[in-house]
């Protein structure tokens, strides 16, 4: 069963689309409902996987920040100590 064009019925971008489904029988509505729920479950699963990936990337970014801070501190300390040694040699 095909449904009428929503633009012709005046249901395009409308909240109430009941005019669009006046000729649908119960079997067709049930099939459409089952397809919609299948799509919803698929989308929710996909969103959940993406959320988990984002959480993992945030954790990884946090670890990289800590490592970057530690390495920057080490390099800065070594550079400072090197400068102090050069200043002492020049005196």
C-alpha atoms as a PDB file:
ATOM      1  CA  UNK A   1       0.000   0.000   0.000  1.00  0.00           C
ATOM      2  CA  UNK A   2       1.314   3.428  -0.859  1.00  0.00           C
ATOM      3  CA  UNK A   3       0.576   6.548   1.093  1.00  0.00           C
ATOM      4  CA  UNK A   4      -0.432   9.854  -0.508  1.00  0.00           C
ATOM      5  CA  UNK A   5       2.099  12.638  -0.982  1.00  0.00           C
ATOM      6  CA  UNK A   6       2.305  14.694   2.271  1.00  0.00           C
ATOM      7  CA  UNK A   7       2.816  17.915   0.302  1.00  0.00           C
ATOM      8  CA  UNK A   8      -0.490  17.406  -1.526  1.00  0.00           C
ATOM      9  CA  UNK A   9      -2.352  16.615   1.681  1.00  0.00           C
ATOM     10  CA  UNK A  10      -0.948  19.599   3.540  1.00  0.00           C
ATOM     11  CA  UNK A  11       0.891  17.453   6.087  1.00  0.00           C
ATOM     12  CA  UNK A  12       4.405  18.360   4.942  1.00  0.00           C
ATOM     13  CA  UNK A  13       6.374  19.589   8.016  1.00  0.00           C
ATOM     14  CA  UNK A  14       3.152  19.445  10.053  1.00  0.00           C
ATOM     15  CA  UNK A  15       3.008  17.995  13.545  1.00  0.00           C
ATOM     16  CA  UNK A  16      -0.355  16.300  12.967  1.00  0.00           C
ATOM     17  CA  UNK A  17      -0.044  13.928  10.008  1.00  0.00           C
ATOM     18  CA  UNK A  18      -3.221  11.942  10.627  1.00  0.00           C
ATOM     19  CA  UNK A  19      -4.666  12.988   7.233  1.00  0.00           C
ATOM     20  CA  UNK A  20      -1.819  11.123   5.587  1.00  0.00           C
ATOM     21  CA  UNK A  21      -2.840   7.746   7.063  1.00  0.00           C
ATOM     22  CA  UNK A  22      -6.607   7.691   6.575  1.00  0.00           C
ATOM     23  CA  UNK A  23      -6.570   4.869   4.004  1.00  0.00           C
ATOM     24  CA  UNK A  24      -4.128   2.581   5.809  1.00  0.00           C
ATOM     25  CA  UNK A  25      -5.430  -0.700   7.205  1.00  0.00           C
ATOM     26  CA  UNK A  26      -4.391  -2.201  10.542  1.00  0.00           C
ATOM     27  CA  UNK A  27      -1.941  -4.677   9.002  1.00  0.00           C
ATOM     28  CA  UNK A  28      -0.159  -1.911   7.115  1.00  0.00           C
ATOM     29  CA  UNK A  29      -0.004   0.294  10.218  1.00  0.00           C
ATOM     30  CA  UNK A  30       1.350  -2.612  12.287  1.00  0.00           C
ATOM     31  CA  UNK A  31       4.010  -3.345   9.675  1.00  0.00           C
ATOM     32  CA  UNK A  32       4.984   0.337   9.568  1.00  0.00           C
ATOM     33  CA  UNK A  33       5.105   0.479  13.353  1.00  0.00           C
ATOM     34  CA  UNK A  34       7.326  -2.609  13.557  1.00  0.00           C
ATOM     35  CA  UNK A  35       9.678  -1.144  10.932  1.00  0.00           C
ATOM     36  CA  UNK A  36       9.820   2.128  12.837  1.00  0.00           C
ATOM     37  CA  UNK A  37      10.695   0.383  16.119  1.00  0.00           C
ATOM     38  CA  UNK A  38      13.356  -1.685  14.371  1.00  0.00           C
ATOM     39  CA  UNK A  39      14.877   1.500  12.996  1.00  0.00           C
ATOM     40  CA  UNK A  40      14.666   3.187  16.409  1.00  0.00           C
ATOM     41  CA  UNK A  41      16.456   0.267  18.108  1.00  0.00           C
ATOM     42  CA  UNK A  42      19.140   0.279  15.408  1.00  0.00           C
ATOM     43  CA  UNK A  43      19.663   4.026  15.805  1.00  0.00           C
ATOM     44  CA  UNK A  44      19.773   3.787  19.608  1.00  0.00           C
ATOM     45  CA  UNK A  45      22.365   1.005  19.407  1.00  0.00           C
ATOM     46  CA  UNK A  46      24.453   3.062  16.984  1.00  0.00           C
ATOM     47  CA  UNK A  47      24.213   6.133  19.215  1.00  0.00           C
ATOM     48  CA  UNK A  48      25.249   4.034  22.224  1.00  0.00           C
ATOM     49  CA  UNK A  49      28.293   2.740  20.369  1.00  0.00           C
ATOM     50  CA  UNK A  50      29.261   6.252  19.318  1.00  0.00           C
ATOM     51  CA  UNK A  51      28.819   7.507  22.891  1.00  0.00           C
ATOM     52  CA  UNK A  52      31.074   4.714  24.155  1.00  0.00           C
ATOM     53  CA  UNK A  53      33.684   5.593  21.530  1.00  0.00           C
ATOM     54  CA  UNK A  54      33.533   9.263  22.562  1.00  0.00           C
ATOM     55  CA  UNK A  55      34.010   8.339  26.237  1.00  0.00           C
ATOM     56  CA  UNK A  56      37.021   6.179  25.341  1.00  0.00           C
ATOM     57  CA  UNK A  57      38.532   8.974  23.231  1.00  0.00           C
ATOM     58  CA  UNK A  58      38.046  11.456  26.097  1.00  0.00           C
ATOM     59  CA  UNK A  59      39.866   9.084  28.465  1.00  0.00           C
ATOM     60  CA  UNK A  60      42.672   8.662  25.942  1.00  0.00           C
ATOM     61  CA  UNK A  61      42.918  12.434  25.501  1.00  0.00           C
ATOM     62  CA  UNK A  62      43.135  12.852  29.273  1.00  0.00           C
ATOM     63  CA  UNK A  63      46.008  10.353  29.426  1.00  0.00           C
ATOM     64  CA  UNK A  64      47.805  12.180  26.598  1.00  0.00           C
ATOM     65  CA  UNK A  65      47.409  15.475  28.462  1.00  0.00           C
ATOM     66  CA  UNK A  66      48.954  14.006  31.618  1.00  0.00           C
ATOM     67  CA  UNK A  67      51.872  12.545  29.657  1.00  0.00           C
ATOM     68  CA  UNK A  68      52.343  15.861  27.834  1.00  0.00           C
ATOM     69  CA  UNK A  69      52.414  17.789  31.123  1.00  0.00           C
ATOM     70  CA  UNK A  70      54.941  15.358  32.612  1.00  0.00           C
ATOM     71  CA  UNK A  71      57.226  15.494  29.574  1.00  0.00           C
ATOM     72  CA  UNK A  72      56.988  19.283  29.387  1.00  0.00           C
ATOM     73  CA  UNK A  73      57.924  19.519  33.069  1.00  0.00           C
ATOM     74  CA  UNK A  74      60.912  17.229  32.594  1.00  0.00           C
ATOM     75  CA  UNK A  75      62.191  19.095  29.526  1.00  0.00           C
ATOM     76  CA  UNK A  76      61.667  22.482  31.191  1.00  0.00           C
ATOM     77  CA  UNK A  77      63.500  21.355  34.324  1.00  0.00           C
ATOM     78  CA  UNK A  78      66.412  19.983  32.286  1.00  0.00           C
ATOM     79  CA  UNK A  79      66.619  23.199  30.259  1.00  0.00           C
ATOM     80  CA  UNK A  80      66.569  25.300  33.424  1.00  0.00           C
ATOM     81  CA  UNK A  81      69.306  23.237  35.043  1.00  0.00           C
ATOM     82  CA  UNK A  82      71.350  23.499  31.826  1.00  0.00           C
ATOM     83  CA  UNK A  83      71.000  27.275  31.833  1.00  0.00           C
ATOM     84  CA  UNK A  84      72.037  27.466  35.481  1.00  0.00           C
ATOM     85  CA  UNK A  85      75.138  25.383  34.696  1.00  0.00           C
ATOM     86  CA  UNK A  86      76.026  27.647  31.735  1.00  0.00           C
ATOM     87  CA  UNK A  87      75.606  30.771  33.865  1.00  0.00           C
ATOM     88  CA  UNK A  88      77.896  29.276  36.536  1.00  0.00           C
ATOM     89  CA  UNK A  89      80.516  28.488  33.889  1.00  0.00           C
ATOM     90  CA  UNK A  90      80.457  32.060  32.569  1.00  0.00           C
ATOM     91  CA  UNK A  91      81.157  33.591  35.977  1.00  0.00           C
END
